[in-house]
Amino acid sequence: MKKGKVFYLMVVNGDERWMTLQEAGKIYDSGWFPVKIEGRVMDEDGEQRPITDEERKKIVEIANRRSESK
């Protein structure tokens, strides 16, 4: 993972993956396999913390915008 970026832990088809906000929104919208927003975020400094409600909403908003544009 690149230093200086924020990553969100997603469970994709049973596998944990760290993704950027845009990647998380894209995969959450895919519908190809089960996807879950996990409860952890890795900040720019590499420290992990709980995900906020606002961050969860951002992932869902990105997914919704992608769905609307299909």
PDB file of N, CA and C in Angstrom:
ATOM      1  N   MET A   1       0.832  -1.189   0.000  1.00  0.00           N
ATOM      2  CA  MET A   1       0.000   0.000   0.000  1.00  0.00           C
ATOM      3  C   MET A   1       0.874   1.249   0.000  1.00  0.00           C
ATOM      4  N   LYS A   2       0.392   2.272  -0.661  1.00  0.00           N
ATOM      5  CA  LYS A   2       1.159   3.509  -0.757  1.00  0.00           C
ATOM      6  C   LYS A   2       0.980   4.353   0.486  1.00  0.00           C
ATOM      7  N   LYS A   3       2.085   4.866   0.985  1.00  0.00           N
ATOM      8  CA  LYS A   3       2.052   5.794   2.105  1.00  0.00           C
ATOM      9  C   LYS A   3       1.405   7.097   1.637  1.00  0.00           C
ATOM     10  N   GLY A   4       0.665   7.747   2.496  1.00  0.00           N
ATOM     11  CA  GLY A   4       0.041   9.004   2.144  1.00  0.00           C
ATOM     12  C   GLY A   4      -1.369   8.868   1.602  1.00  0.00           C
ATOM     13  N   LYS A   5      -1.872   7.648   1.537  1.00  0.00           N
ATOM     14  CA  LYS A   5      -3.245   7.419   1.085  1.00  0.00           C
ATOM     15  C   LYS A   5      -4.042   6.788   2.215  1.00  0.00           C
ATOM     16  N   VAL A   6      -5.349   6.948   2.146  1.00  0.00           N
ATOM     17  CA  VAL A   6      -6.249   6.328   3.115  1.00  0.00           C
ATOM     18  C   VAL A   6      -6.839   5.080   2.461  1.00  0.00           C
ATOM     19  N   PHE A   7      -6.848   3.981   3.191  1.00  0.00           N
ATOM     20  CA  PHE A   7      -7.373   2.725   2.675  1.00  0.00           C
ATOM     21  C   PHE A   7      -8.486   2.214   3.575  1.00  0.00           C
ATOM     22  N   TYR A   8      -9.489   1.606   2.942  1.00  0.00           N
ATOM     23  CA  TYR A   8     -10.658   1.072   3.634  1.00  0.00           C
ATOM     24  C   TYR A   8     -10.656  -0.436   3.499  1.00  0.00           C
ATOM     25  N   LEU A   9     -10.928  -1.117   4.598  1.00  0.00           N
ATOM     26  CA  LEU A   9     -10.946  -2.570   4.576  1.00  0.00           C
ATOM     27  C   LEU A   9     -12.306  -3.049   4.080  1.00  0.00           C
ATOM     28  N   MET A  10     -12.281  -3.806   2.994  1.00  0.00           N
ATOM     29  CA  MET A  10     -13.486  -4.371   2.402  1.00  0.00           C
ATOM     30  C   MET A  10     -13.338  -5.894   2.406  1.00  0.00           C
ATOM     31  N   VAL A  11     -14.449  -6.577   2.555  1.00  0.00           N
ATOM     32  CA  VAL A  11     -14.446  -8.034   2.421  1.00  0.00           C
ATOM     33  C   VAL A  11     -15.133  -8.337   1.096  1.00  0.00           C
ATOM     34  N   VAL A  12     -14.350  -8.869   0.169  1.00  0.00           N
ATOM     35  CA  VAL A  12     -14.823  -9.134  -1.188  1.00  0.00           C
ATOM     36  C   VAL A  12     -14.818 -10.638  -1.419  1.00  0.00           C
ATOM     37  N   ASN A  13     -16.010 -11.197  -1.542  1.00  0.00           N
ATOM     38  CA  ASN A  13     -16.145 -12.632  -1.763  1.00  0.00           C
ATOM     39  C   ASN A  13     -15.389 -13.431  -0.695  1.00  0.00           C
ATOM     40  N   GLY A  14     -15.428 -12.930   0.539  1.00  0.00           N
ATOM     41  CA  GLY A  14     -14.795 -13.605   1.663  1.00  0.00           C
ATOM     42  C   GLY A  14     -13.344 -13.234   1.925  1.00  0.00           C
ATOM     43  N   ASP A  15     -12.722 -12.475   1.034  1.00  0.00           N
ATOM     44  CA  ASP A  15     -11.318 -12.072   1.192  1.00  0.00           C
ATOM     45  C   ASP A  15     -11.221 -10.619   1.635  1.00  0.00           C
ATOM     46  N   GLU A  16     -10.383 -10.346   2.636  1.00  0.00           N
ATOM     47  CA  GLU A  16     -10.158  -8.967   3.080  1.00  0.00           C
ATOM     48  C   GLU A  16      -9.221  -8.262   2.105  1.00  0.00           C
ATOM     49  N   ARG A  17      -9.616  -7.034   1.714  1.00  0.00           N
ATOM     50  CA  ARG A  17      -8.783  -6.232   0.813  1.00  0.00           C
ATOM     51  C   ARG A  17      -8.812  -4.779   1.259  1.00  0.00           C
ATOM     52  N   TRP A  18      -7.645  -4.134   1.257  1.00  0.00           N
ATOM     53  CA  TRP A  18      -7.541  -2.705   1.544  1.00  0.00           C
ATOM     54  C   TRP A  18      -7.671  -1.956   0.232  1.00  0.00           C
ATOM     55  N   MET A  19      -8.577  -0.964   0.203  1.00  0.00           N
ATOM     56  CA  MET A  19      -8.849  -0.225  -1.035  1.00  0.00           C
ATOM     57  C   MET A  19      -8.957   1.264  -0.753  1.00  0.00           C
ATOM     58  N   THR A  20      -8.682   2.060  -1.795  1.00  0.00           N
ATOM     59  CA  THR A  20      -8.922   3.498  -1.693  1.00  0.00           C
ATOM     60  C   THR A  20     -10.428   3.725  -1.669  1.00  0.00           C
ATOM     61  N   LEU A  21     -10.847   4.934  -1.376  1.00  0.00           N
ATOM     62  CA  LEU A  21     -12.263   5.264  -1.327  1.00  0.00           C
ATOM     63  C   LEU A  21     -12.940   4.971  -2.674  1.00  0.00           C
ATOM     64  N   GLN A  22     -12.342   5.405  -3.758  1.00  0.00           N
ATOM     65  CA  GLN A  22     -12.925   5.185  -5.085  1.00  0.00           C
ATOM     66  C   GLN A  22     -13.006   3.699  -5.427  1.00  0.00           C
ATOM     67  N   GLU A  23     -11.952   2.949  -5.115  1.00  0.00           N
ATOM     68  CA  GLU A  23     -11.965   1.508  -5.363  1.00  0.00           C
ATOM     69  C   GLU A  23     -13.054   0.827  -4.537  1.00  0.00           C
ATOM     70  N   ALA A  24     -13.191   1.247  -3.286  1.00  0.00           N
ATOM     71  CA  ALA A  24     -14.198   0.661  -2.398  1.00  0.00           C
ATOM     72  C   ALA A  24     -15.601   0.912  -2.942  1.00  0.00           C
ATOM     73  N   GLY A  25     -15.870   2.132  -3.406  1.00  0.00           N
ATOM     74  CA  GLY A  25     -17.169   2.443  -3.985  1.00  0.00           C
ATOM     75  C   GLY A  25     -17.436   1.655  -5.249  1.00  0.00           C
ATOM     76  N   LYS A  26     -16.408   1.500  -6.066  1.00  0.00           N
ATOM     77  CA  LYS A  26     -16.546   0.757  -7.314  1.00  0.00           C
ATOM     78  C   LYS A  26     -16.863  -0.716  -7.047  1.00  0.00           C
ATOM     79  N   ILE A  27     -16.134  -1.341  -6.159  1.00  0.00           N
ATOM     80  CA  ILE A  27     -16.349  -2.765  -5.880  1.00  0.00           C
ATOM     81  C   ILE A  27     -17.662  -2.976  -5.144  1.00  0.00           C
ATOM     82  N   TYR A  28     -18.056  -2.024  -4.297  1.00  0.00           N
ATOM     83  CA  TYR A  28     -19.318  -2.126  -3.564  1.00  0.00           C
ATOM     84  C   TYR A  28     -20.499  -2.109  -4.529  1.00  0.00           C
ATOM     85  N   ASP A  29     -20.338  -1.443  -5.657  1.00  0.00           N
ATOM     86  CA  ASP A  29     -21.380  -1.338  -6.675  1.00  0.00           C
ATOM     87  C   ASP A  29     -21.384  -2.520  -7.643  1.00  0.00           C
ATOM     88  N   SER A  30     -20.347  -3.321  -7.676  1.00  0.00           N
ATOM     89  CA  SER A  30     -20.168  -4.305  -8.742  1.00  0.00           C
ATOM     90  C   SER A  30     -21.320  -5.295  -8.878  1.00  0.00           C
ATOM     91  N   GLY A  31     -21.802  -5.848  -7.769  1.00  0.00           N
ATOM     92  CA  GLY A  31     -22.869  -6.831  -7.829  1.00  0.00           C
ATOM     93  C   GLY A  31     -22.419  -8.198  -8.326  1.00  0.00           C
ATOM     94  N   TRP A  32     -21.139  -8.373  -8.579  1.00  0.00           N
ATOM     95  CA  TRP A  32     -20.638  -9.646  -9.099  1.00  0.00           C
ATOM     96  C   TRP A  32     -20.448 -10.692  -8.007  1.00  0.00           C
ATOM     97  N   PHE A  33     -20.199 -10.232  -6.786  1.00  0.00           N
ATOM     98  CA  PHE A  33     -19.953 -11.133  -5.667  1.00  0.00           C
ATOM     99  C   PHE A  33     -20.247 -10.400  -4.379  1.00  0.00           C
ATOM    100  N   PRO A  34     -20.364 -11.129  -3.262  1.00  0.00           N
ATOM    101  CA  PRO A  34     -20.668 -10.483  -1.980  1.00  0.00           C
ATOM    102  C   PRO A  34     -19.557  -9.504  -1.559  1.00  0.00           C
ATOM    103  N   VAL A  35     -19.966  -8.307  -1.170  1.00  0.00           N
ATOM    104  CA  VAL A  35     -19.020  -7.276  -0.721  1.00  0.00           C
ATOM    105  C   VAL A  35     -19.551  -6.668   0.567  1.00  0.00           C
ATOM    106  N   LYS A  36     -18.648  -6.492   1.533  1.00  0.00           N
ATOM    107  CA  LYS A  36     -19.019  -5.898   2.815  1.00  0.00           C
ATOM    108  C   LYS A  36     -18.009  -4.806   3.167  1.00  0.00           C
ATOM    109  N   ILE A  37     -18.530  -3.680   3.649  1.00  0.00           N
ATOM    110  CA  ILE A  37     -17.653  -2.619   4.157  1.00  0.00           C
ATOM    111  C   ILE A  37     -17.258  -3.036   5.569  1.00  0.00           C
ATOM    112  N   GLU A  38     -15.980  -3.286   5.788  1.00  0.00           N
ATOM    113  CA  GLU A  38     -15.507  -3.673   7.113  1.00  0.00           C
ATOM    114  C   GLU A  38     -15.385  -2.432   7.987  1.00  0.00           C
ATOM    115  N   GLY A  39     -15.017  -2.597   9.203  1.00  0.00           N
ATOM    116  CA  GLY A  39     -15.009  -1.502  10.162  1.00  0.00           C
ATOM    117  C   GLY A  39     -13.689  -0.814  10.390  1.00  0.00           C
ATOM    118  N   ARG A  40     -12.707  -1.019   9.487  1.00  0.00           N
ATOM    119  CA  ARG A  40     -11.397  -0.412   9.731  1.00  0.00           C
ATOM    120  C   ARG A  40     -10.917   0.425   8.557  1.00  0.00           C
ATOM    121  N   VAL A  41     -10.134   1.444   8.924  1.00  0.00           N
ATOM    122  CA  VAL A  41      -9.521   2.363   7.967  1.00  0.00           C
ATOM    123  C   VAL A  41      -8.047   2.462   8.319  1.00  0.00           C
ATOM    124  N   MET A  42      -7.185   2.510   7.284  1.00  0.00           N
ATOM    125  CA  MET A  42      -5.767   2.752   7.509  1.00  0.00           C
ATOM    126  C   MET A  42      -5.469   4.160   7.011  1.00  0.00           C
ATOM    127  N   ASP A  43      -5.099   5.044   7.936  1.00  0.00           N
ATOM    128  CA  ASP A  43      -4.828   6.441   7.603  1.00  0.00           C
ATOM    129  C   ASP A  43      -3.498   6.605   6.892  1.00  0.00           C
ATOM    130  N   GLU A  44      -3.248   7.849   6.455  1.00  0.00           N
ATOM    131  CA  GLU A  44      -2.037   8.187   5.708  1.00  0.00           C
ATOM    132  C   GLU A  44      -0.754   7.758   6.407  1.00  0.00           C
ATOM    133  N   ASP A  45      -0.771   7.770   7.730  1.00  0.00           N
ATOM    134  CA  ASP A  45       0.434   7.432   8.500  1.00  0.00           C
ATOM    135  C   ASP A  45       0.549   5.939   8.787  1.00  0.00           C
ATOM    136  N   GLY A  46      -0.383   5.133   8.261  1.00  0.00           N
ATOM    137  CA  GLY A  46      -0.334   3.686   8.464  1.00  0.00           C
ATOM    138  C   GLY A  46      -1.050   3.204   9.709  1.00  0.00           C
ATOM    139  N   GLU A  47      -1.635   4.136  10.466  1.00  0.00           N
ATOM    140  CA  GLU A  47      -2.368   3.772  11.688  1.00  0.00           C
ATOM    141  C   GLU A  47      -3.788   3.338  11.326  1.00  0.00           C
ATOM    142  N   GLN A  48      -4.252   2.304  12.003  1.00  0.00           N
ATOM    143  CA  GLN A  48      -5.619   1.841  11.781  1.00  0.00           C
ATOM    144  C   GLN A  48      -6.558   2.446  12.814  1.00  0.00           C
ATOM    145  N   ARG A  49      -7.800   2.685  12.368  1.00  0.00           N
ATOM    146  CA  ARG A  49      -8.828   3.240  13.241  1.00  0.00           C
ATOM    147  C   ARG A  49     -10.180   2.736  12.755  1.00  0.00           C
ATOM    148  N   PRO A  50     -11.222   2.886  13.563  1.00  0.00           N
ATOM    149  CA  PRO A  50     -12.564   2.495  13.113  1.00  0.00           C
ATOM    150  C   PRO A  50     -13.060   3.403  11.991  1.00  0.00           C
ATOM    151  N   ILE A  51     -13.850   2.861  11.094  1.00  0.00           N
ATOM    152  CA  ILE A  51     -14.447   3.644  10.023  1.00  0.00           C
ATOM    153  C   ILE A  51     -15.563   4.509  10.618  1.00  0.00           C
ATOM    154  N   THR A  52     -15.726   5.709  10.086  1.00  0.00           N
ATOM    155  CA  THR A  52     -16.788   6.594  10.560  1.00  0.00           C
ATOM    156  C   THR A  52     -18.055   6.371   9.726  1.00  0.00           C
ATOM    157  N   ASP A  53     -19.184   6.805  10.262  1.00  0.00           N
ATOM    158  CA  ASP A  53     -20.437   6.729   9.512  1.00  0.00           C
ATOM    159  C   ASP A  53     -20.335   7.546   8.234  1.00  0.00           C
ATOM    160  N   GLU A  54     -19.672   8.688   8.297  1.00  0.00           N
ATOM    161  CA  GLU A  54     -19.500   9.547   7.126  1.00  0.00           C
ATOM    162  C   GLU A  54     -18.718   8.821   6.021  1.00  0.00           C
ATOM    163  N   GLU A  55     -17.678   8.095   6.401  1.00  0.00           N
ATOM    164  CA  GLU A  55     -16.892   7.362   5.404  1.00  0.00           C
ATOM    165  C   GLU A  55     -17.717   6.237   4.775  1.00  0.00           C
ATOM    166  N   ARG A  56     -18.510   5.549   5.582  1.00  0.00           N
ATOM    167  CA  ARG A  56     -19.404   4.511   5.042  1.00  0.00           C
ATOM    168  C   ARG A  56     -20.366   5.128   4.026  1.00  0.00           C
ATOM    169  N   LYS A  57     -20.920   6.287   4.375  1.00  0.00           N
ATOM    170  CA  LYS A  57     -21.851   6.975   3.475  1.00  0.00           C
ATOM    171  C   LYS A  57     -21.173   7.349   2.163  1.00  0.00           C
ATOM    172  N   LYS A  58     -19.903   7.782   2.223  1.00  0.00           N
ATOM    173  CA  LYS A  58     -19.176   8.163   1.011  1.00  0.00           C
ATOM    174  C   LYS A  58     -19.018   6.964   0.084  1.00  0.00           C
ATOM    175  N   ILE A  59     -18.698   5.802   0.633  1.00  0.00           N
ATOM    176  CA  ILE A  59     -18.546   4.587  -0.176  1.00  0.00           C
ATOM    177  C   ILE A  59     -19.875   4.260  -0.857  1.00  0.00           C
ATOM    178  N   VAL A  60     -20.952   4.316  -0.100  1.00  0.00           N
ATOM    179  CA  VAL A  60     -22.283   4.023  -0.651  1.00  0.00           C
ATOM    180  C   VAL A  60     -22.666   5.060  -1.706  1.00  0.00           C
ATOM    181  N   GLU A  61     -22.364   6.338  -1.479  1.00  0.00           N
ATOM    182  CA  GLU A  61     -22.669   7.390  -2.452  1.00  0.00           C
ATOM    183  C   GLU A  61     -21.939   7.154  -3.769  1.00  0.00           C
ATOM    184  N   ILE A  62     -20.679   6.763  -3.687  1.00  0.00           N
ATOM    185  CA  ILE A  62     -19.908   6.469  -4.904  1.00  0.00           C
ATOM    186  C   ILE A  62     -20.566   5.308  -5.646  1.00  0.00           C
ATOM    187  N   ALA A  63     -20.928   4.261  -4.915  1.00  0.00           N
ATOM    188  CA  ALA A  63     -21.589   3.112  -5.533  1.00  0.00           C
ATOM    189  C   ALA A  63     -22.914   3.522  -6.174  1.00  0.00           C
ATOM    190  N   ASN A  64     -23.690   4.337  -5.495  1.00  0.00           N
ATOM    191  CA  ASN A  64     -24.980   4.781  -6.031  1.00  0.00           C
ATOM    192  C   ASN A  64     -24.805   5.611  -7.303  1.00  0.00           C
ATOM    193  N   ARG A  65     -23.823   6.505  -7.302  1.00  0.00           N
ATOM    194  CA  ARG A  65     -23.574   7.316  -8.508  1.00  0.00           C
ATOM    195  C   ARG A  65     -23.184   6.429  -9.688  1.00  0.00           C
ATOM    196  N   ARG A  66     -22.385   5.412  -9.409  1.00  0.00           N
ATOM    197  CA  ARG A  66     -21.981   4.483 -10.478  1.00  0.00           C
ATOM    198  C   ARG A  66     -23.198   3.741 -11.013  1.00  0.00           C
ATOM    199  N   SER A  67     -24.081   3.314 -10.118  1.00  0.00           N
ATOM    200  CA  SER A  67     -25.289   2.579 -10.535  1.00  0.00           C
ATOM    201  C   SER A  67     -26.186   3.450 -11.406  1.00  0.00           C
ATOM    202  N   GLU A  68     -26.319   4.718 -11.023  1.00  0.00           N
ATOM    203  CA  GLU A  68     -27.174   5.641 -11.773  1.00  0.00           C
ATOM    204  C   GLU A  68     -26.634   5.908 -13.171  1.00  0.00           C
ATOM    205  N   SER A  69     -25.335   5.833 -13.331  1.00  0.00           N
ATOM    206  CA  SER A  69     -24.732   6.158 -14.636  1.00  0.00           C
ATOM    207  C   SER A  69     -24.671   4.953 -15.567  1.00  0.00           C
ATOM    208  N   LYS A  70     -25.109   3.795 -15.120  1.00  0.00           N
ATOM    209  CA  LYS A  70     -25.066   2.590 -15.970  1.00  0.00           C
ATOM    210  C   LYS A  70     -26.234   2.566 -16.928  1.00  0.00           C
TER     211      LYS A  70
END
